PDB file of all heavy atoms in Angstrom:
ATOM      1  N   LYS A   1      -0.950 -12.731   7.336  1.00  0.00           N
ATOM      2  CA  LYS A   1      -1.857 -13.304   6.338  1.00  0.00           C
ATOM      3  C   LYS A   1      -3.315 -13.316   6.799  1.00  0.00           C
ATOM      4  O   LYS A   1      -4.125 -14.112   6.312  1.00  0.00           O
ATOM      5  CB  LYS A   1      -1.408 -14.714   5.937  1.00  0.00           C
ATOM      6  CG  LYS A   1      -0.059 -14.742   5.245  1.00  0.00           C
ATOM      7  CD  LYS A   1       0.293 -16.144   4.768  1.00  0.00           C
ATOM      8  CE  LYS A   1       1.640 -16.132   4.054  1.00  0.00           C
ATOM      9  NZ  LYS A   1       2.012 -17.480   3.544  1.00  0.00           N
ATOM     10  N   THR A   2      -3.652 -12.449   7.753  1.00  0.00           N
ATOM     11  CA  THR A   2      -5.059 -12.283   8.119  1.00  0.00           C
ATOM     12  C   THR A   2      -5.715 -11.382   7.083  1.00  0.00           C
ATOM     13  O   THR A   2      -5.037 -10.706   6.288  1.00  0.00           O
ATOM     14  CB  THR A   2      -5.195 -11.629   9.505  1.00  0.00           C
ATOM     15  OG1 THR A   2      -4.637 -10.305   9.451  1.00  0.00           O
ATOM     16  CG2 THR A   2      -4.478 -12.445  10.567  1.00  0.00           C
ATOM     17  N   ARG A   3      -7.043 -11.332   7.091  1.00  0.00           N
ATOM     18  CA  ARG A   3      -7.748 -10.449   6.153  1.00  0.00           C
ATOM     19  C   ARG A   3      -7.415  -8.990   6.427  1.00  0.00           C
ATOM     20  O   ARG A   3      -7.203  -8.203   5.502  1.00  0.00           O
ATOM     21  CB  ARG A   3      -9.255 -10.698   6.255  1.00  0.00           C
ATOM     22  CG  ARG A   3      -9.691 -12.041   5.698  1.00  0.00           C
ATOM     23  CD  ARG A   3     -11.094 -12.404   6.107  1.00  0.00           C
ATOM     24  NE  ARG A   3     -11.187 -12.612   7.550  1.00  0.00           N
ATOM     25  CZ  ARG A   3     -12.298 -12.969   8.193  1.00  0.00           C
ATOM     26  NH1 ARG A   3     -13.405 -13.162   7.494  1.00  0.00           N
ATOM     27  NH2 ARG A   3     -12.307 -13.147   9.488  1.00  0.00           N
ATOM     28  N   SER A   4      -7.350  -8.624   7.717  1.00  0.00           N
ATOM     29  CA  SER A   4      -6.993  -7.253   8.057  1.00  0.00           C
ATOM     30  C   SER A   4      -5.530  -6.963   7.733  1.00  0.00           C
ATOM     31  O   SER A   4      -5.147  -5.806   7.524  1.00  0.00           O
ATOM     32  CB  SER A   4      -7.275  -6.985   9.540  1.00  0.00           C
ATOM     33  OG  SER A   4      -8.662  -7.102   9.816  1.00  0.00           O
ATOM     34  N   GLY A   5      -4.730  -8.006   7.665  1.00  0.00           N
ATOM     35  CA  GLY A   5      -3.328  -7.855   7.303  1.00  0.00           C
ATOM     36  C   GLY A   5      -3.130  -7.445   5.852  1.00  0.00           C
ATOM     37  O   GLY A   5      -2.004  -7.122   5.439  1.00  0.00           O
ATOM     38  N   LEU A   6      -4.214  -7.424   5.064  1.00  0.00           N
ATOM     39  CA  LEU A   6      -4.129  -6.947   3.682  1.00  0.00           C
ATOM     40  C   LEU A   6      -3.746  -5.468   3.627  1.00  0.00           C
ATOM     41  O   LEU A   6      -3.394  -4.961   2.567  1.00  0.00           O
ATOM     42  CB  LEU A   6      -5.450  -7.175   2.955  1.00  0.00           C
ATOM     43  CG  LEU A   6      -5.777  -8.635   2.607  1.00  0.00           C
ATOM     44  CD1 LEU A   6      -7.193  -8.746   2.067  1.00  0.00           C
ATOM     45  CD2 LEU A   6      -4.774  -9.185   1.596  1.00  0.00           C
ATOM     46  N   LEU A   7      -3.814  -4.791   4.775  1.00  0.00           N
ATOM     47  CA  LEU A   7      -3.328  -3.410   4.851  1.00  0.00           C
ATOM     48  C   LEU A   7      -1.929  -3.291   4.267  1.00  0.00           C
ATOM     49  O   LEU A   7      -1.605  -2.306   3.575  1.00  0.00           O
ATOM     50  CB  LEU A   7      -3.318  -2.958   6.317  1.00  0.00           C
ATOM     51  CG  LEU A   7      -2.516  -1.692   6.636  1.00  0.00           C
ATOM     52  CD1 LEU A   7      -3.169  -0.479   5.994  1.00  0.00           C
ATOM     53  CD2 LEU A   7      -2.398  -1.501   8.140  1.00  0.00           C
ATOM     54  N   TRP A   8      -1.094  -4.279   4.509  1.00  0.00           N
ATOM     55  CA  TRP A   8       0.305  -4.181   4.106  1.00  0.00           C
ATOM     56  C   TRP A   8       0.500  -4.359   2.612  1.00  0.00           C
ATOM     57  O   TRP A   8       1.582  -4.066   2.073  1.00  0.00           O
ATOM     58  CB  TRP A   8       1.139  -5.172   4.919  1.00  0.00           C
ATOM     59  CG  TRP A   8       1.005  -4.860   6.378  1.00  0.00           C
ATOM     60  CD1 TRP A   8       0.204  -5.504   7.291  1.00  0.00           C
ATOM     61  CD2 TRP A   8       1.616  -3.778   7.087  1.00  0.00           C
ATOM     62  NE1 TRP A   8       0.290  -4.900   8.518  1.00  0.00           N
ATOM     63  CE2 TRP A   8       1.155  -3.833   8.427  1.00  0.00           C
ATOM     64  CE3 TRP A   8       2.514  -2.775   6.720  1.00  0.00           C
ATOM     65  CZ2 TRP A   8       1.551  -2.929   9.399  1.00  0.00           C
ATOM     66  CZ3 TRP A   8       2.928  -1.868   7.678  1.00  0.00           C
ATOM     67  CH2 TRP A   8       2.442  -1.944   9.004  1.00  0.00           C
ATOM     68  N   GLU A   9      -0.546  -4.801   1.932  1.00  0.00           N
ATOM     69  CA  GLU A   9      -0.513  -4.800   0.466  1.00  0.00           C
ATOM     70  C   GLU A   9      -0.530  -3.354  -0.043  1.00  0.00           C
ATOM     71  O   GLU A   9       0.032  -3.054  -1.105  1.00  0.00           O
ATOM     72  CB  GLU A   9      -1.699  -5.579  -0.097  1.00  0.00           C
ATOM     73  CG  GLU A   9      -1.629  -7.075   0.114  1.00  0.00           C
ATOM     74  CD  GLU A   9      -0.467  -7.722  -0.637  1.00  0.00           C
ATOM     75  OE1 GLU A   9      -0.206  -7.333  -1.804  1.00  0.00           O
ATOM     76  OE2 GLU A   9       0.183  -8.605  -0.053  1.00  0.00           O
ATOM     77  N   VAL A  10      -1.185  -2.480   0.708  1.00  0.00           N
ATOM     78  CA  VAL A  10      -1.190  -1.057   0.350  1.00  0.00           C
ATOM     79  C   VAL A  10       0.222  -0.497   0.480  1.00  0.00           C
ATOM     80  O   VAL A  10       0.693   0.261  -0.376  1.00  0.00           O
ATOM     81  CB  VAL A  10      -2.171  -0.265   1.242  1.00  0.00           C
ATOM     82  CG1 VAL A  10      -2.185   1.209   0.831  1.00  0.00           C
ATOM     83  CG2 VAL A  10      -3.575  -0.860   1.156  1.00  0.00           C
ATOM     84  N   GLU A  11       0.919  -0.889   1.543  1.00  0.00           N
ATOM     85  CA  GLU A  11       2.313  -0.458   1.705  1.00  0.00           C
ATOM     86  C   GLU A  11       3.163  -0.932   0.533  1.00  0.00           C
ATOM     87  O   GLU A  11       3.976  -0.168  -0.021  1.00  0.00           O
ATOM     88  CB  GLU A  11       2.880  -1.011   3.011  1.00  0.00           C
ATOM     89  CG  GLU A  11       4.337  -0.597   3.242  1.00  0.00           C
ATOM     90  CD  GLU A  11       5.025  -1.419   4.314  1.00  0.00           C
ATOM     91  OE1 GLU A  11       4.861  -2.656   4.310  1.00  0.00           O
ATOM     92  OE2 GLU A  11       5.738  -0.822   5.143  1.00  0.00           O
ATOM     93  N   ARG A  12       2.971  -2.185   0.145  1.00  0.00           N
ATOM     94  CA  ARG A  12       3.735  -2.729  -0.985  1.00  0.00           C
ATOM     95  C   ARG A  12       3.514  -1.908  -2.247  1.00  0.00           C
ATOM     96  O   ARG A  12       4.482  -1.535  -2.947  1.00  0.00           O
ATOM     97  CB  ARG A  12       3.347  -4.193  -1.225  1.00  0.00           C
ATOM     98  CG  ARG A  12       4.004  -4.815  -2.456  1.00  0.00           C
ATOM     99  CD  ARG A  12       3.501  -6.230  -2.698  1.00  0.00           C
ATOM    100  NE  ARG A  12       2.074  -6.296  -2.977  1.00  0.00           N
ATOM    101  CZ  ARG A  12       1.526  -6.020  -4.170  1.00  0.00           C
ATOM    102  NH1 ARG A  12       2.292  -5.632  -5.182  1.00  0.00           N
ATOM    103  NH2 ARG A  12       0.218  -6.137  -4.343  1.00  0.00           N
ATOM    104  N   LEU A  13       2.270  -1.603  -2.536  1.00  0.00           N
ATOM    105  CA  LEU A  13       1.945  -0.841  -3.739  1.00  0.00           C
ATOM    106  C   LEU A  13       2.561   0.557  -3.703  1.00  0.00           C
ATOM    107  O   LEU A  13       3.122   1.039  -4.694  1.00  0.00           O
ATOM    108  CB  LEU A  13       0.429  -0.752  -3.917  1.00  0.00           C
ATOM    109  CG  LEU A  13      -0.281  -2.054  -4.316  1.00  0.00           C
ATOM    110  CD1 LEU A  13      -1.785  -1.888  -4.209  1.00  0.00           C
ATOM    111  CD2 LEU A  13       0.119  -2.465  -5.726  1.00  0.00           C
ATOM    112  N   LEU A  14       2.452   1.221  -2.542  1.00  0.00           N
ATOM    113  CA  LEU A  14       3.005   2.569  -2.428  1.00  0.00           C
ATOM    114  C   LEU A  14       4.521   2.554  -2.573  1.00  0.00           C
ATOM    115  O   LEU A  14       5.104   3.451  -3.196  1.00  0.00           O
ATOM    116  CB  LEU A  14       2.598   3.195  -1.086  1.00  0.00           C
ATOM    117  CG  LEU A  14       1.120   3.517  -0.910  1.00  0.00           C
ATOM    118  CD1 LEU A  14       0.843   4.005   0.508  1.00  0.00           C
ATOM    119  CD2 LEU A  14       0.651   4.558  -1.929  1.00  0.00           C
ATOM    120  N   ASN A  15       5.163   1.545  -2.012  1.00  0.00           N
ATOM    121  CA  ASN A  15       6.613   1.439  -2.124  1.00  0.00           C
ATOM    122  C   ASN A  15       7.058   1.184  -3.562  1.00  0.00           C
ATOM    123  O   ASN A  15       8.169   1.549  -3.958  1.00  0.00           O
ATOM    124  CB  ASN A  15       7.158   0.335  -1.219  1.00  0.00           C
ATOM    125  CG  ASN A  15       7.224   0.753   0.240  1.00  0.00           C
ATOM    126  OD1 ASN A  15       7.399   1.929   0.554  1.00  0.00           O
ATOM    127  ND2 ASN A  15       7.082  -0.205   1.142  1.00  0.00           N
ATOM    128  N   GLU A  16       6.197   0.559  -4.344  1.00  0.00           N
ATOM    129  CA  GLU A  16       6.511   0.284  -5.745  1.00  0.00           C
ATOM    130  C   GLU A  16       6.297   1.500  -6.646  1.00  0.00           C
ATOM    131  O   GLU A  16       6.825   1.548  -7.764  1.00  0.00           O
ATOM    132  CB  GLU A  16       5.647  -0.867  -6.267  1.00  0.00           C
ATOM    133  CG  GLU A  16       5.975  -2.233  -5.688  1.00  0.00           C
ATOM    134  CD  GLU A  16       5.017  -3.305  -6.177  1.00  0.00           C
ATOM    135  OE1 GLU A  16       4.131  -2.988  -7.023  1.00  0.00           O
ATOM    136  OE2 GLU A  16       5.132  -4.465  -5.730  1.00  0.00           O
ATOM    137  N   CYS A  17       5.513   2.476  -6.163  1.00  0.00           N
ATOM    138  CA  CYS A  17       5.156   3.621  -7.000  1.00  0.00           C
ATOM    139  C   CYS A  17       6.346   4.530  -7.264  1.00  0.00           C
ATOM    140  O   CYS A  17       7.129   4.837  -6.359  1.00  0.00           O
ATOM    141  CB  CYS A  17       4.057   4.448  -6.319  1.00  0.00           C
ATOM    142  SG  CYS A  17       2.429   3.687  -6.352  1.00  0.00           S
ATOM    143  N   THR A  18       6.460   5.003  -8.503  1.00  0.00           N
ATOM    144  CA  THR A  18       7.455   6.034  -8.821  1.00  0.00           C
ATOM    145  C   THR A  18       6.877   7.417  -8.541  1.00  0.00           C
ATOM    146  O   THR A  18       7.609   8.361  -8.253  1.00  0.00           O
ATOM    147  CB  THR A  18       7.886   5.933 -10.287  1.00  0.00           C
ATOM    148  OG1 THR A  18       6.731   5.993 -11.135  1.00  0.00           O
ATOM    149  CG2 THR A  18       8.624   4.616 -10.537  1.00  0.00           C
ATOM    150  N   LYS A  19       5.560   7.533  -8.633  1.00  0.00           N
ATOM    151  CA  LYS A  19       4.847   8.750  -8.256  1.00  0.00           C
ATOM    152  C   LYS A  19       3.756   8.358  -7.264  1.00  0.00           C
ATOM    153  O   LYS A  19       3.033   7.387  -7.482  1.00  0.00           O
ATOM    154  CB  LYS A  19       4.228   9.437  -9.483  1.00  0.00           C
ATOM    155  CG  LYS A  19       5.266  10.004 -10.456  1.00  0.00           C
ATOM    156  CD  LYS A  19       4.593  10.722 -11.605  1.00  0.00           C
ATOM    157  CE  LYS A  19       5.615  11.253 -12.599  1.00  0.00           C
ATOM    158  NZ  LYS A  19       6.442  12.313 -12.009  1.00  0.00           N
ATOM    159  N   LEU A  20       3.656   9.102  -6.179  1.00  0.00           N
ATOM    160  CA  LEU A  20       2.729   8.751  -5.102  1.00  0.00           C
ATOM    161  C   LEU A  20       1.445   9.563  -5.166  1.00  0.00           C
ATOM    162  O   LEU A  20       1.452  10.718  -5.618  1.00  0.00           O
ATOM    163  CB  LEU A  20       3.401   8.979  -3.746  1.00  0.00           C
ATOM    164  CG  LEU A  20       4.533   8.026  -3.377  1.00  0.00           C
ATOM    165  CD1 LEU A  20       5.325   8.576  -2.200  1.00  0.00           C
ATOM    166  CD2 LEU A  20       3.975   6.633  -3.050  1.00  0.00           C
ATOM    167  N   PRO A  21       0.342   8.989  -4.686  1.00  0.00           N
ATOM    168  CA  PRO A  21      -0.895   9.774  -4.564  1.00  0.00           C
ATOM    169  C   PRO A  21      -0.670  10.926  -3.586  1.00  0.00           C
ATOM    170  O   PRO A  21       0.011  10.765  -2.570  1.00  0.00           O
ATOM    171  CB  PRO A  21      -1.897   8.770  -4.000  1.00  0.00           C
ATOM    172  CG  PRO A  21      -1.290   7.425  -4.196  1.00  0.00           C
ATOM    173  CD  PRO A  21       0.184   7.615  -4.195  1.00  0.00           C
ATOM    174  N   GLN A  22      -1.252  12.083  -3.883  1.00  0.00           N
ATOM    175  CA  GLN A  22      -1.081  13.235  -2.987  1.00  0.00           C
ATOM    176  C   GLN A  22      -1.875  13.088  -1.702  1.00  0.00           C
ATOM    177  O   GLN A  22      -1.504  13.660  -0.674  1.00  0.00           O
ATOM    178  CB  GLN A  22      -1.501  14.532  -3.702  1.00  0.00           C
ATOM    179  CG  GLN A  22      -0.605  14.924  -4.873  1.00  0.00           C
ATOM    180  CD  GLN A  22      -1.151  14.434  -6.207  1.00  0.00           C
ATOM    181  OE1 GLN A  22      -1.730  13.348  -6.284  1.00  0.00           O
ATOM    182  NE2 GLN A  22      -0.981  15.229  -7.255  1.00  0.00           N
ATOM    183  N   VAL A  23      -2.982  12.340  -1.744  1.00  0.00           N
ATOM    184  CA  VAL A  23      -3.850  12.192  -0.573  1.00  0.00           C
ATOM    185  C   VAL A  23      -4.242  10.728  -0.397  1.00  0.00           C
ATOM    186  O   VAL A  23      -4.589  10.046  -1.368  1.00  0.00           O
ATOM    187  CB  VAL A  23      -5.130  13.048  -0.698  1.00  0.00           C
ATOM    188  CG1 VAL A  23      -6.037  12.852   0.526  1.00  0.00           C
ATOM    189  CG2 VAL A  23      -4.794  14.523  -0.881  1.00  0.00           C
ATOM    190  N   LEU A  24      -4.167  10.252   0.846  1.00  0.00           N
ATOM    191  CA  LEU A  24      -4.644   8.918   1.193  1.00  0.00           C
ATOM    192  C   LEU A  24      -5.763   9.058   2.221  1.00  0.00           C
ATOM    193  O   LEU A  24      -5.715   9.937   3.084  1.00  0.00           O
ATOM    194  CB  LEU A  24      -3.527   8.064   1.796  1.00  0.00           C
ATOM    195  CG  LEU A  24      -2.186   7.975   1.074  1.00  0.00           C
ATOM    196  CD1 LEU A  24      -1.210   7.125   1.891  1.00  0.00           C
ATOM    197  CD2 LEU A  24      -2.359   7.400  -0.320  1.00  0.00           C
TER     198      LEU A  24
END
């Protein structure tokens, strides 16, 4: 729950995606 720990919100979003972005 640190500010830098918000990185893992990106993981959550990607895991929820049915189609993924081609480039990160």
